[in-house]
Amino acid sequence: MFSVKILTAYPEMFPGVLGHSIIGKALKEKKWFLETVNLHDFGYDERNSIDDIPFGGGPGMIIRPDVVEKAVNFIDKISNKPSHLIYMSPSGKTLKQNDLIEFSKIDQIVILCGRFEGVDTRAIEEIGFQEVSIGDYITAGGEVAAQVLVEGCIR
């Protein structure tokens, strides 16, 4: 069964559109599996913060690499399948139909949804995320992009 795990600061955004129509029906019939993992559960302080200033400077805040690493390690512990790691990023490779076909053949994908100014590049590179974009534009976070990718895989 195709399994999707979403790493997000906003788990309440799921299943979102994935809970409706034929995709939602397939989810209810357990033809595919969706689980959200709240990045704040792996926060680094008493407020469960997940963001910090970019290493080496730069504008805004980014999701810290230690938070991402802890979340991925958690998934590895609870999962009985190897995971293909995807980071929804405006600078990633543009998603095409052939990519969706290939992703849908994988038993389990883990999708990291960025927020703020993104995710610390050390997490992306060291953990081994594949960067994927849904187009040449920027949204407030990766949750909508993740739903696009998942719907394309399920359909």
Protein backbone atom coordinates (compact mmCIF):
# COMPACT_ATOMS: atom_id res chain seq x y z
CA MET A 1 0.00 0.00 0.00
CA PHE A 2 1.26 3.47 -0.92
CA SER A 3 2.17 5.35 2.24
CA VAL A 4 2.69 9.11 2.62
CA LYS A 5 4.13 10.79 5.67
CA ILE A 6 4.06 14.59 5.82
CA LEU A 7 6.51 16.55 7.98
CA THR A 8 4.83 19.89 8.64
CA ALA A 9 4.46 22.73 11.12
CA TYR A 10 0.72 22.66 10.34
CA PRO A 11 -0.61 19.08 10.50
CA GLU A 12 -4.18 20.41 10.68
CA MET A 13 -3.88 21.31 6.97
CA PHE A 14 -4.15 17.59 6.17
CA PRO A 15 -5.82 15.72 4.66
CA GLY A 16 -7.21 18.94 3.16
CA VAL A 17 -8.13 18.34 -0.47
CA LEU A 18 -6.79 14.81 -0.13
CA GLY A 19 -9.81 13.93 2.00
CA HIS A 20 -12.30 14.62 -0.79
CA SER A 21 -13.50 13.15 -4.08
CA ILE A 22 -11.93 9.94 -5.41
CA ILE A 23 -8.66 10.56 -3.54
CA GLY A 24 -10.52 10.89 -0.23
CA LYS A 25 -12.63 7.84 -0.98
CA ALA A 26 -9.47 5.81 -1.63
CA LEU A 27 -8.02 7.09 1.67
CA LYS A 28 -11.16 6.08 3.58
CA GLU A 29 -11.06 2.66 1.90
CA LYS A 30 -7.42 2.30 3.04
CA LYS A 31 -6.09 2.00 -0.50
CA TRP A 32 -3.37 4.44 0.52
CA PHE A 33 -2.15 5.74 3.88
CA LEU A 34 -1.55 9.30 5.09
CA GLU A 35 0.14 10.34 8.31
CA THR A 36 1.22 13.79 9.42
CA VAL A 37 4.15 14.41 11.71
CA ASN A 38 4.17 17.73 13.56
CA LEU A 39 7.62 19.30 13.37
CA HIS A 40 6.88 21.15 16.63
CA ASP A 41 6.99 17.78 18.43
CA PHE A 42 10.74 17.90 17.75
CA GLY A 43 11.27 21.55 18.70
CA TYR A 44 14.41 22.59 20.50
CA ASP A 45 13.11 24.69 23.40
CA GLU A 46 10.26 24.88 25.92
CA ARG A 47 8.03 26.48 23.24
CA ASN A 48 8.85 23.68 20.77
CA SER A 49 10.31 26.20 18.34
CA ILE A 50 11.48 24.81 15.01
CA ASP A 51 13.01 27.88 13.37
CA ASP A 52 16.17 29.93 13.71
CA ILE A 53 18.19 32.47 11.78
CA PRO A 54 20.04 31.05 8.75
CA PHE A 55 23.50 29.62 9.45
CA GLY A 56 25.92 32.16 8.02
CA GLY A 57 23.31 34.94 7.98
CA GLY A 58 20.57 35.95 5.61
CA PRO A 59 17.00 37.22 5.78
CA GLY A 60 14.17 35.66 7.75
CA MET A 61 13.98 32.42 9.66
CA ILE A 62 14.44 28.83 8.49
CA ILE A 63 13.55 25.41 9.86
CA ARG A 64 16.50 24.06 11.82
CA PRO A 65 18.34 20.94 10.60
CA ASP A 66 18.26 19.23 14.01
CA VAL A 67 14.45 19.45 14.04
CA VAL A 68 14.22 17.85 10.59
CA GLU A 69 16.73 15.15 11.53
CA LYS A 70 14.78 14.21 14.68
CA ALA A 71 11.52 14.00 12.71
CA VAL A 72 13.09 11.78 10.02
CA ASN A 73 14.66 9.55 12.69
CA PHE A 74 11.23 9.23 14.34
CA ILE A 75 9.69 8.08 11.06
CA ASP A 76 12.52 5.59 10.56
CA LYS A 77 11.83 4.14 14.03
CA ILE A 78 8.06 3.73 13.60
CA SER A 79 8.07 2.65 9.97
CA ASN A 80 8.55 -0.80 8.56
CA LYS A 81 9.34 0.54 5.08
CA PRO A 82 12.25 2.44 3.58
CA SER A 83 11.38 6.06 2.87
CA HIS A 84 11.97 8.23 -0.18
CA LEU A 85 12.51 11.76 1.14
CA ILE A 86 11.08 14.73 -0.76
CA TYR A 87 11.37 18.42 0.11
CA MET A 88 8.84 20.73 -1.55
CA SER A 89 11.00 23.66 -2.63
CA PRO A 90 10.62 26.44 -5.22
CA SER A 91 14.23 25.80 -6.23
CA GLY A 92 13.73 22.06 -6.78
CA LYS A 93 13.24 20.15 -10.01
CA THR A 94 9.86 21.00 -11.53
CA LEU A 95 7.34 18.21 -11.00
CA LYS A 96 6.23 16.41 -14.17
CA GLN A 97 3.72 13.61 -14.79
CA ASN A 98 6.53 11.07 -15.21
CA ASP A 99 7.82 12.01 -11.75
CA LEU A 100 4.38 11.35 -10.27
CA ILE A 101 4.28 7.94 -11.94
CA GLU A 102 7.70 7.07 -10.50
CA PHE A 103 6.83 8.37 -7.01
CA SER A 104 3.61 6.32 -7.03
CA LYS A 105 5.68 3.14 -7.46
CA ILE A 106 7.54 3.80 -4.19
CA ASP A 107 6.12 2.12 -1.08
CA GLN A 108 6.61 5.14 1.18
CA ILE A 109 7.35 8.78 0.56
CA VAL A 110 8.10 11.33 3.25
CA ILE A 111 7.39 14.92 2.25
CA LEU A 112 8.96 17.82 4.14
CA CYS A 113 6.92 21.02 3.95
CA GLY A 114 8.96 24.16 4.41
CA ARG A 115 7.83 27.33 6.17
CA PHE A 116 9.34 30.72 6.87
CA GLU A 117 12.23 31.21 4.40
CA GLY A 118 12.58 27.45 3.94
CA VAL A 119 14.66 24.70 5.49
CA ASP A 120 18.33 24.85 6.44
CA THR A 121 20.21 23.43 3.43
CA ARG A 122 22.34 21.29 5.73
CA ALA A 123 19.24 19.21 6.51
CA ILE A 124 18.35 18.82 2.83
CA GLU A 125 21.85 17.80 1.77
CA GLU A 126 22.97 15.71 4.75
CA ILE A 127 19.73 13.77 5.19
CA GLY A 128 19.28 13.28 1.46
CA PHE A 129 16.02 14.94 0.47
CA GLN A 130 15.09 15.20 -3.20
CA GLU A 131 14.00 18.78 -3.90
CA VAL A 132 10.79 19.04 -5.92
CA SER A 133 8.95 22.17 -7.10
CA ILE A 134 5.40 22.54 -8.40
CA GLY A 135 6.32 25.66 -10.36
CA ASP A 136 8.31 28.86 -10.64
CA TYR A 137 6.60 30.70 -7.79
CA ILE A 138 6.69 30.83 -4.01
CA THR A 139 3.87 29.94 -1.61
CA ALA A 140 3.73 30.50 2.16
CA GLY A 141 4.68 26.88 2.80
CA GLY A 142 5.03 23.45 1.27
CA GLU A 143 1.69 22.02 2.39
CA VAL A 144 -0.28 22.93 -0.73
CA ALA A 145 2.58 21.71 -2.93
CA ALA A 146 2.66 18.43 -0.99
CA GLN A 147 -1.06 17.96 -1.59
CA VAL A 148 -0.53 18.54 -5.32
CA LEU A 149 2.21 15.90 -5.40
CA VAL A 150 0.22 13.35 -3.40
CA GLU A 151 -2.98 13.83 -5.41
CA GLY A 152 -1.02 13.34 -8.62
CA CYS A 153 0.50 10.11 -7.28
CA ILE A 154 -2.80 8.68 -6.05
CA ARG A 155 -4.82 9.59 -9.12
